[in-house]
Amino acid sequence: MFGIMAYKGGDRMIRVAICDDDKHMQESLSKYLLDYSIQCDREIDHAEFDTCEELMDEYLKGNSFDVILLDIEFKNNDEKQMNGIELGKRLRGLYANDNTAIVYVTSYGEYAIDSIKIRPYDYIKKPITYRRIVDFFETYYLDQAKRKKVFEYTAHKVKNSIIVSNICYFESQGRTIVIHTITNQYTFYGKLSNLLDNESLSDFISIHKSYLVNKNYIERFTSHSVVLIGIDRVELPISPNKKMEVSEQLLKE
């Protein structure tokens, strides 16, 4: 593993992991990252990994990354070793990590369907160009700016706020609303219907009179329910009168 600290820019530093067993690919991506950080005035720290196991070890040590540039197939003879799809599943499921932007850098287009549940941020097809890296990171920074939106609420006469992108769904329980995140729950008095016009909740879908769900946390859905990502795989019902609306909103993504 090797890391660099790139030039400082106006945005916060982001940590990028390059995971590929091709040393030439590692070097190319490292050079593109350094060139991008200098030319676009961004601060980027990056580390290189030869195997998915090495990268997973970093997460187990408590060291996470904002972006992972991840190959899918690794040339090894050990069937027990992870590939990029398996690593993505572990991060999203077992470790409930939905903050890292997983970007598959690969020549294997047939894996796209297998990776849907992982909700990869993007695919970059080999051979890679500097222009493609620039386009990806400019989009990423724009999305991060949007993620800074917060939801404000009052509980026990105290004003609170929570980053919108951390909210999985809202649940109505009588006169109260429960905010569900991957790790916590927060309660306040209110009506779910009053949240529908909240501009900061534009990524949320009303699937039931009792549930307002962040579509970015939906792993899969049927005509009857949605299943959310995370360790518990929470399943929430879709009201019969909302089936069409929910389906249209999710399929247009």
C-alpha atoms as a PDB file:
ATOM      1  CA  MET A   1       0.000   0.000   0.000  1.00  0.00           C
ATOM      2  CA  PHE A   2       1.255   3.453  -0.884  1.00  0.00           C
ATOM      3  CA  GLY A   3      -0.305   6.858  -0.211  1.00  0.00           C
ATOM      4  CA  ILE A   4       0.224  10.436  -1.290  1.00  0.00           C
ATOM      5  CA  MET A   5      -1.102  13.744  -0.086  1.00  0.00           C
ATOM      6  CA  ALA A   6      -2.074  15.883  -3.034  1.00  0.00           C
ATOM      7  CA  TYR A   7      -2.242  19.641  -3.220  1.00  0.00           C
ATOM      8  CA  LYS A   8      -4.688  21.480  -1.005  1.00  0.00           C
ATOM      9  CA  GLY A   9      -7.778  23.049  -2.504  1.00  0.00           C
ATOM     10  CA  GLY A  10     -10.935  24.779  -1.346  1.00  0.00           C
ATOM     11  CA  ASP A  11     -12.911  21.597  -0.609  1.00  0.00           C
ATOM     12  CA  ARG A  12     -12.220  19.161   2.197  1.00  0.00           C
ATOM     13  CA  MET A  13      -9.683  16.450   1.558  1.00  0.00           C
ATOM     14  CA  ILE A  14     -11.097  13.205   0.194  1.00  0.00           C
ATOM     15  CA  ARG A  15      -9.515   9.781   0.621  1.00  0.00           C
ATOM     16  CA  VAL A  16      -9.361   7.537  -2.439  1.00  0.00           C
ATOM     17  CA  ALA A  17      -8.470   3.841  -2.537  1.00  0.00           C
ATOM     18  CA  ILE A  18      -7.157   2.257  -5.734  1.00  0.00           C
ATOM     19  CA  CYS A  19      -7.659  -1.506  -5.623  1.00  0.00           C
ATOM     20  CA  ASP A  20      -6.254  -3.330  -8.652  1.00  0.00           C
ATOM     21  CA  ASP A  21      -3.697  -6.099  -9.064  1.00  0.00           C
ATOM     22  CA  ASP A  22      -2.338  -4.472 -12.231  1.00  0.00           C
ATOM     23  CA  LYS A  23       0.596  -2.265 -11.200  1.00  0.00           C
ATOM     24  CA  HIS A  24       0.433  -0.349 -14.473  1.00  0.00           C
ATOM     25  CA  MET A  25      -3.220   0.490 -13.784  1.00  0.00           C
ATOM     26  CA  GLN A  26      -2.364   1.600 -10.251  1.00  0.00           C
ATOM     27  CA  GLU A  27       0.345   3.903 -11.583  1.00  0.00           C
ATOM     28  CA  SER A  28      -1.937   5.368 -14.258  1.00  0.00           C
ATOM     29  CA  LEU A  29      -4.746   6.082 -11.803  1.00  0.00           C
ATOM     30  CA  SER A  30      -2.301   7.552  -9.283  1.00  0.00           C
ATOM     31  CA  LYS A  31      -0.903   9.901 -11.917  1.00  0.00           C
ATOM     32  CA  TYR A  32      -4.391  10.949 -13.024  1.00  0.00           C
ATOM     33  CA  LEU A  33      -5.353  11.684  -9.413  1.00  0.00           C
ATOM     34  CA  LEU A  34      -2.265  13.804  -8.829  1.00  0.00           C
ATOM     35  CA  ASP A  35      -2.727  15.677 -12.126  1.00  0.00           C
ATOM     36  CA  TYR A  36      -6.378  16.296 -11.327  1.00  0.00           C
ATOM     37  CA  SER A  37      -5.669  17.517  -7.796  1.00  0.00           C
ATOM     38  CA  ILE A  38      -3.122  20.028  -9.112  1.00  0.00           C
ATOM     39  CA  GLN A  39      -5.019  21.262 -12.161  1.00  0.00           C
ATOM     40  CA  CYS A  40      -8.412  21.492 -10.428  1.00  0.00           C
ATOM     41  CA  ASP A  41      -7.112  22.617  -7.027  1.00  0.00           C
ATOM     42  CA  ARG A  42      -8.450  19.648  -5.048  1.00  0.00           C
ATOM     43  CA  GLU A  43      -6.978  17.966  -1.985  1.00  0.00           C
ATOM     44  CA  ILE A  44      -6.836  14.202  -2.460  1.00  0.00           C
ATOM     45  CA  ASP A  45      -5.089  11.554  -0.381  1.00  0.00           C
ATOM     46  CA  HIS A  46      -4.871   8.113  -1.947  1.00  0.00           C
ATOM     47  CA  ALA A  47      -3.684   4.612  -1.172  1.00  0.00           C
ATOM     48  CA  GLU A  48      -3.060   1.612  -3.423  1.00  0.00           C
ATOM     49  CA  PHE A  49      -4.038  -2.013  -2.755  1.00  0.00           C
ATOM     50  CA  ASP A  50      -3.210  -5.180  -4.683  1.00  0.00           C
ATOM     51  CA  THR A  51      -6.065  -7.271  -3.272  1.00  0.00           C
ATOM     52  CA  CYS A  52      -9.550  -6.804  -1.863  1.00  0.00           C
ATOM     53  CA  GLU A  53      -8.392  -8.406   1.380  1.00  0.00           C
ATOM     54  CA  GLU A  54      -5.781  -5.679   1.901  1.00  0.00           C
ATOM     55  CA  LEU A  55      -8.416  -3.002   1.412  1.00  0.00           C
ATOM     56  CA  MET A  56     -10.900  -4.748   3.715  1.00  0.00           C
ATOM     57  CA  ASP A  57      -8.209  -4.915   6.407  1.00  0.00           C
ATOM     58  CA  GLU A  58      -8.007  -1.112   6.317  1.00  0.00           C
ATOM     59  CA  TYR A  59     -11.747  -0.878   7.004  1.00  0.00           C
ATOM     60  CA  LEU A  60     -11.453  -3.380   9.848  1.00  0.00           C
ATOM     61  CA  LYS A  61      -8.762  -1.116  11.342  1.00  0.00           C
ATOM     62  CA  GLY A  62     -11.233   1.777  11.209  1.00  0.00           C
ATOM     63  CA  ASN A  63      -9.684   3.463   8.174  1.00  0.00           C
ATOM     64  CA  SER A  64     -12.335   4.269   5.585  1.00  0.00           C
ATOM     65  CA  PHE A  65     -12.296   5.917   2.157  1.00  0.00           C
ATOM     66  CA  ASP A  66     -14.587   8.364   0.408  1.00  0.00           C
ATOM     67  CA  VAL A  67     -14.034   6.763  -3.007  1.00  0.00           C
ATOM     68  CA  ILE A  68     -12.856   3.298  -4.055  1.00  0.00           C
ATOM     69  CA  LEU A  69     -11.611   2.810  -7.620  1.00  0.00           C
ATOM     70  CA  LEU A  70     -12.107  -0.942  -7.718  1.00  0.00           C
ATOM     71  CA  ASP A  71     -11.324  -3.638 -10.250  1.00  0.00           C
ATOM     72  CA  ILE A  72     -13.688  -6.625 -10.424  1.00  0.00           C
ATOM     73  CA  GLU A  73     -11.520  -9.550 -11.457  1.00  0.00           C
ATOM     74  CA  PHE A  74      -8.219 -10.225  -9.688  1.00  0.00           C
ATOM     75  CA  LYS A  75      -5.732 -12.613 -11.276  1.00  0.00           C
ATOM     76  CA  ASN A  76      -5.051 -15.179  -8.562  1.00  0.00           C
ATOM     77  CA  ASN A  77      -5.354 -18.903  -8.153  1.00  0.00           C
ATOM     78  CA  ASP A  78      -6.940 -18.847  -4.708  1.00  0.00           C
ATOM     79  CA  GLU A  79     -10.708 -19.291  -4.946  1.00  0.00           C
ATOM     80  CA  LYS A  80     -11.057 -18.008  -1.382  1.00  0.00           C
ATOM     81  CA  GLN A  81      -9.870 -14.530  -2.339  1.00  0.00           C
ATOM     82  CA  MET A  82     -12.476 -11.840  -2.869  1.00  0.00           C
ATOM     83  CA  ASN A  83     -13.242 -10.141  -6.150  1.00  0.00           C
ATOM     84  CA  GLY A  84     -14.561  -6.595  -6.464  1.00  0.00           C
ATOM     85  CA  ILE A  85     -18.221  -7.630  -6.368  1.00  0.00           C
ATOM     86  CA  GLU A  86     -17.754  -9.598  -3.141  1.00  0.00           C
ATOM     87  CA  LEU A  87     -15.910  -6.696  -1.515  1.00  0.00           C
ATOM     88  CA  GLY A  88     -18.725  -4.330  -2.447  1.00  0.00           C
ATOM     89  CA  LYS A  89     -21.324  -6.676  -0.947  1.00  0.00           C
ATOM     90  CA  ARG A  90     -19.410  -6.871   2.318  1.00  0.00           C
ATOM     91  CA  LEU A  91     -19.038  -3.119   2.610  1.00  0.00           C
ATOM     92  CA  ARG A  92     -22.699  -2.444   1.831  1.00  0.00           C
ATOM     93  CA  GLY A  93     -24.185  -5.350   3.751  1.00  0.00           C
ATOM     94  CA  LEU A  94     -22.065  -6.809   6.536  1.00  0.00           C
ATOM     95  CA  TYR A  95     -20.457  -3.489   7.504  1.00  0.00           C
ATOM     96  CA  ALA A  96     -23.479  -1.312   6.592  1.00  0.00           C
ATOM     97  CA  ASN A  97     -21.217   1.151   4.790  1.00  0.00           C
ATOM     98  CA  ASP A  98     -23.168   3.295   2.370  1.00  0.00           C
ATOM     99  CA  ASN A  99     -20.942   6.356   2.519  1.00  0.00           C
ATOM    100  CA  THR A 100     -18.127   5.107   0.302  1.00  0.00           C
ATOM    101  CA  ALA A 101     -18.572   5.747  -3.426  1.00  0.00           C
ATOM    102  CA  ILE A 102     -17.673   2.430  -5.060  1.00  0.00           C
ATOM    103  CA  VAL A 103     -16.511   2.906  -8.653  1.00  0.00           C
ATOM    104  CA  TYR A 104     -15.879  -0.203 -10.701  1.00  0.00           C
ATOM    105  CA  VAL A 105     -12.922   0.255 -13.032  1.00  0.00           C
ATOM    106  CA  THR A 106     -13.200  -2.764 -15.271  1.00  0.00           C
ATOM    107  CA  SER A 107     -13.391  -4.379 -18.676  1.00  0.00           C
ATOM    108  CA  TYR A 108     -16.071  -6.795 -17.495  1.00  0.00           C
ATOM    109  CA  GLY A 109     -19.428  -5.309 -18.457  1.00  0.00           C
ATOM    110  CA  GLU A 110     -21.251  -8.550 -17.701  1.00  0.00           C
ATOM    111  CA  TYR A 111     -20.847  -7.895 -13.975  1.00  0.00           C
ATOM    112  CA  ALA A 112     -23.071  -4.804 -14.080  1.00  0.00           C
ATOM    113  CA  ILE A 113     -26.216  -6.735 -13.139  1.00  0.00           C
ATOM    114  CA  ASP A 114     -24.452  -8.583 -10.293  1.00  0.00           C
ATOM    115  CA  SER A 115     -23.393  -5.280  -8.771  1.00  0.00           C
ATOM    116  CA  ILE A 116     -26.837  -3.608  -8.750  1.00  0.00           C
ATOM    117  CA  LYS A 117     -27.477  -4.466  -5.084  1.00  0.00           C
ATOM    118  CA  ILE A 118     -24.128  -2.901  -4.193  1.00  0.00           C
ATOM    119  CA  ARG A 119     -25.338   0.377  -5.669  1.00  0.00           C
ATOM    120  CA  PRO A 120     -22.014   1.342  -7.261  1.00  0.00           C
ATOM    121  CA  TYR A 121     -21.557   5.051  -7.729  1.00  0.00           C
ATOM    122  CA  ASP A 122     -20.201   4.641 -11.264  1.00  0.00           C
ATOM    123  CA  TYR A 123     -18.507   2.361 -13.773  1.00  0.00           C
ATOM    124  CA  ILE A 124     -15.328   3.382 -15.583  1.00  0.00           C
ATOM    125  CA  LYS A 125     -14.463   1.163 -18.505  1.00  0.00           C
ATOM    126  CA  LYS A 126     -10.875   0.270 -19.317  1.00  0.00           C
ATOM    127  CA  PRO A 127      -8.777   1.614 -20.965  1.00  0.00           C
ATOM    128  CA  ILE A 128      -9.108   4.679 -18.764  1.00  0.00           C
ATOM    129  CA  THR A 129      -8.499   8.250 -19.874  1.00  0.00           C
ATOM    130  CA  TYR A 130      -7.634  11.299 -17.814  1.00  0.00           C
ATOM    131  CA  ARG A 131     -10.763  13.029 -19.141  1.00  0.00           C
ATOM    132  CA  ARG A 132     -12.944  10.264 -17.713  1.00  0.00           C
ATOM    133  CA  ILE A 133     -11.350  10.642 -14.285  1.00  0.00           C
ATOM    134  CA  VAL A 134     -11.922  14.400 -14.366  1.00  0.00           C
ATOM    135  CA  ASP A 135     -15.581  13.937 -15.333  1.00  0.00           C
ATOM    136  CA  PHE A 136     -16.103  11.451 -12.530  1.00  0.00           C
ATOM    137  CA  PHE A 137     -14.594  13.595  -9.788  1.00  0.00           C
ATOM    138  CA  GLU A 138     -16.340  16.779 -10.891  1.00  0.00           C
ATOM    139  CA  THR A 139     -19.651  14.912 -10.675  1.00  0.00           C
ATOM    140  CA  TYR A 140     -18.648  13.469  -7.314  1.00  0.00           C
ATOM    141  CA  TYR A 141     -17.843  16.887  -5.836  1.00  0.00           C
ATOM    142  CA  LEU A 142     -21.170  18.278  -7.054  1.00  0.00           C
ATOM    143  CA  ASP A 143     -23.006  15.391  -5.418  1.00  0.00           C
ATOM    144  CA  GLN A 144     -21.133  15.915  -2.173  1.00  0.00           C
ATOM    145  CA  ALA A 145     -22.291  19.524  -2.109  1.00  0.00           C
ATOM    146  CA  LYS A 146     -25.879  18.296  -2.363  1.00  0.00           C
ATOM    147  CA  ARG A 147     -25.306  15.801   0.461  1.00  0.00           C
ATOM    148  CA  LYS A 148     -24.654  18.680   2.843  1.00  0.00           C
ATOM    149  CA  LYS A 149     -28.391  19.369   3.035  1.00  0.00           C
ATOM    150  CA  VAL A 150     -29.786  19.008   6.543  1.00  0.00           C
ATOM    151  CA  PHE A 151     -33.220  18.250   7.967  1.00  0.00           C
ATOM    152  CA  GLU A 152     -34.206  20.339  10.979  1.00  0.00           C
ATOM    153  CA  TYR A 153     -36.676  19.265  13.647  1.00  0.00           C
ATOM    154  CA  THR A 154     -37.563  20.084  17.255  1.00  0.00           C
ATOM    155  CA  ALA A 155     -37.564  17.469  20.012  1.00  0.00           C
ATOM    156  CA  HIS A 156     -38.029  18.200  23.724  1.00  0.00           C
ATOM    157  CA  LYS A 157     -38.030  21.923  22.913  1.00  0.00           C
ATOM    158  CA  VAL A 158     -34.541  21.636  21.442  1.00  0.00           C
ATOM    159  CA  LYS A 159     -33.805  22.339  17.774  1.00  0.00           C
ATOM    160  CA  ASN A 160     -31.874  19.547  16.097  1.00  0.00           C
ATOM    161  CA  SER A 161     -30.531  18.871  12.629  1.00  0.00           C
ATOM    162  CA  ILE A 162     -29.411  15.765  10.784  1.00  0.00           C
ATOM    163  CA  ILE A 163     -27.670  15.362   7.430  1.00  0.00           C
ATOM    164  CA  VAL A 164     -30.356  14.321   4.960  1.00  0.00           C
ATOM    165  CA  SER A 165     -28.159  11.749   3.225  1.00  0.00           C
ATOM    166  CA  ASN A 166     -27.866   9.880   6.555  1.00  0.00           C
ATOM    167  CA  ILE A 167     -31.628   9.367   6.833  1.00  0.00           C
ATOM    168  CA  CYS A 168     -32.946   6.004   5.579  1.00  0.00           C
ATOM    169  CA  TYR A 169     -36.634   6.689   6.142  1.00  0.00           C
ATOM    170  CA  PHE A 170     -39.247   8.473   8.246  1.00  0.00           C
ATOM    171  CA  GLU A 171     -41.910   6.464  10.054  1.00  0.00           C
ATOM    172  CA  SER A 172     -45.184   7.831  11.407  1.00  0.00           C
ATOM    173  CA  GLN A 173     -46.209   6.403  14.780  1.00  0.00           C
ATOM    174  CA  GLY A 174     -49.353   8.104  15.987  1.00  0.00           C
ATOM    175  CA  ARG A 175     -48.519  11.719  16.781  1.00  0.00           C
ATOM    176  CA  THR A 176     -44.795  11.181  16.449  1.00  0.00           C
ATOM    177  CA  ILE A 177     -42.350  10.710  13.593  1.00  0.00           C
ATOM    178  CA  VAL A 178     -39.344   8.416  13.905  1.00  0.00           C
ATOM    179  CA  ILE A 179     -36.226   9.228  11.882  1.00  0.00           C
ATOM    180  CA  HIS A 180     -34.373   6.025  10.996  1.00  0.00           C
ATOM    181  CA  THR A 181     -30.689   6.102  10.077  1.00  0.00           C
ATOM    182  CA  ILE A 182     -28.509   3.008   9.629  1.00  0.00           C
ATOM    183  CA  THR A 183     -27.331   3.202  13.236  1.00  0.00           C
ATOM    184  CA  ASN A 184     -29.823   5.342  15.201  1.00  0.00           C
ATOM    185  CA  GLN A 185     -33.418   6.489  15.635  1.00  0.00           C
ATOM    186  CA  TYR A 186     -34.666   9.971  16.537  1.00  0.00           C
ATOM    187  CA  THR A 187     -38.228  10.924  17.472  1.00  0.00           C
ATOM    188  CA  PHE A 188     -40.166  14.168  17.275  1.00  0.00           C
ATOM    189  CA  TYR A 189     -43.801  15.266  17.180  1.00  0.00           C
ATOM    190  CA  GLY A 190     -45.242  15.922  13.743  1.00  0.00           C
ATOM    191  CA  LYS A 191     -47.184  14.694  10.730  1.00  0.00           C
ATOM    192  CA  LEU A 192     -45.577  12.827   7.872  1.00  0.00           C
ATOM    193  CA  SER A 193     -47.721  14.741   5.379  1.00  0.00           C
ATOM    194  CA  ASN A 194     -46.031  17.971   6.454  1.00  0.00           C
ATOM    195  CA  LEU A 195     -42.669  16.647   5.240  1.00  0.00           C
ATOM    196  CA  LEU A 196     -43.758  16.036   1.656  1.00  0.00           C
ATOM    197  CA  ASP A 197     -43.083  19.610   0.547  1.00  0.00           C
ATOM    198  CA  ASN A 198     -39.761  19.934   2.370  1.00  0.00           C
ATOM    199  CA  GLU A 199     -37.219  20.861  -0.330  1.00  0.00           C
ATOM    200  CA  SER A 200     -34.364  19.148   1.498  1.00  0.00           C
ATOM    201  CA  LEU A 201     -36.230  15.823   1.190  1.00  0.00           C
ATOM    202  CA  SER A 202     -36.453  15.779  -2.603  1.00  0.00           C
ATOM    203  CA  ASP A 203     -34.887  12.287  -2.718  1.00  0.00           C
ATOM    204  CA  PHE A 204     -37.609  10.799  -0.529  1.00  0.00           C
ATOM    205  CA  ILE A 205     -40.609   8.819  -1.771  1.00  0.00           C
ATOM    206  CA  SER A 206     -43.944   8.407  -0.013  1.00  0.00           C
ATOM    207  CA  ILE A 207     -44.622   4.666  -0.252  1.00  0.00           C
ATOM    208  CA  HIS A 208     -47.282   4.439   2.452  1.00  0.00           C
ATOM    209  CA  LYS A 209     -49.162   6.763   4.784  1.00  0.00           C
ATOM    210  CA  SER A 210     -46.696   5.719   7.484  1.00  0.00           C
ATOM    211  CA  TYR A 211     -43.428   5.734   5.514  1.00  0.00           C
ATOM    212  CA  LEU A 212     -41.349   8.299   3.654  1.00  0.00           C
ATOM    213  CA  VAL A 213     -38.265   6.564   2.232  1.00  0.00           C
ATOM    214  CA  ASN A 214     -34.921   7.826   0.949  1.00  0.00           C
ATOM    215  CA  LYS A 215     -34.740   6.238  -2.512  1.00  0.00           C
ATOM    216  CA  ASN A 216     -30.935   6.124  -2.270  1.00  0.00           C
ATOM    217  CA  TYR A 217     -31.279   3.428   0.398  1.00  0.00           C
ATOM    218  CA  ILE A 218     -33.627   1.182  -1.565  1.00  0.00           C
ATOM    219  CA  GLU A 219     -31.839  -2.026  -2.521  1.00  0.00           C
ATOM    220  CA  ARG A 220     -34.756  -3.603  -4.378  1.00  0.00           C
ATOM    221  CA  PHE A 221     -38.520  -3.357  -4.637  1.00  0.00           C
ATOM    222  CA  THR A 222     -41.601  -5.283  -5.712  1.00  0.00           C
ATOM    223  CA  SER A 223     -45.171  -4.161  -6.263  1.00  0.00           C
ATOM    224  CA  HIS A 224     -45.797  -4.763  -2.554  1.00  0.00           C
ATOM    225  CA  SER A 225     -42.696  -3.594  -0.694  1.00  0.00           C
ATOM    226  CA  VAL A 226     -39.232  -2.037  -0.709  1.00  0.00           C
ATOM    227  CA  VAL A 227     -36.130  -3.548   0.903  1.00  0.00           C
ATOM    228  CA  LEU A 228     -33.504  -1.191   2.274  1.00  0.00           C
ATOM    229  CA  ILE A 229     -29.758  -1.732   2.353  1.00  0.00           C
ATOM    230  CA  GLY A 230     -28.031  -2.486   5.624  1.00  0.00           C
ATOM    231  CA  ILE A 231     -27.477  -5.335   8.022  1.00  0.00           C
ATOM    232  CA  ASP A 232     -31.167  -5.840   8.889  1.00  0.00           C
ATOM    233  CA  ARG A 233     -32.509  -5.569   5.321  1.00  0.00           C
ATOM    234  CA  VAL A 234     -35.585  -3.651   6.524  1.00  0.00           C
ATOM    235  CA  GLU A 235     -38.665  -4.348   4.384  1.00  0.00           C
ATOM    236  CA  LEU A 236     -41.412  -1.714   4.233  1.00  0.00           C
ATOM    237  CA  PRO A 237     -44.878  -2.070   2.654  1.00  0.00           C
ATOM    238  CA  ILE A 238     -46.084  -0.091  -0.356  1.00  0.00           C
ATOM    239  CA  SER A 239     -49.707   1.061  -0.223  1.00  0.00           C
ATOM    240  CA  PRO A 240     -51.845  -0.354  -3.067  1.00  0.00           C
ATOM    241  CA  ASN A 241     -52.760   3.167  -4.172  1.00  0.00           C
ATOM    242  CA  LYS A 242     -49.069   4.138  -4.389  1.00  0.00           C
ATOM    243  CA  LYS A 243     -47.753   1.156  -6.378  1.00  0.00           C
ATOM    244  CA  MET A 244     -47.770   2.934  -9.729  1.00  0.00           C
ATOM    245  CA  GLU A 245     -46.262   6.166  -8.405  1.00  0.00           C
ATOM    246  CA  VAL A 246     -43.475   4.387  -6.506  1.00  0.00           C
ATOM    247  CA  SER A 247     -42.646   2.149  -9.458  1.00  0.00           C
ATOM    248  CA  GLU A 248     -42.434   5.103 -11.855  1.00  0.00           C
ATOM    249  CA  GLN A 249     -40.152   7.094  -9.544  1.00  0.00           C
ATOM    250  CA  LEU A 250     -37.758   4.210  -8.956  1.00  0.00           C
ATOM    251  CA  LEU A 251     -37.607   2.956 -12.527  1.00  0.00           C
ATOM    252  CA  LYS A 252     -36.817   6.378 -13.960  1.00  0.00           C
ATOM    253  CA  GLU A 253     -33.571   6.517 -11.949  1.00  0.00           C
END
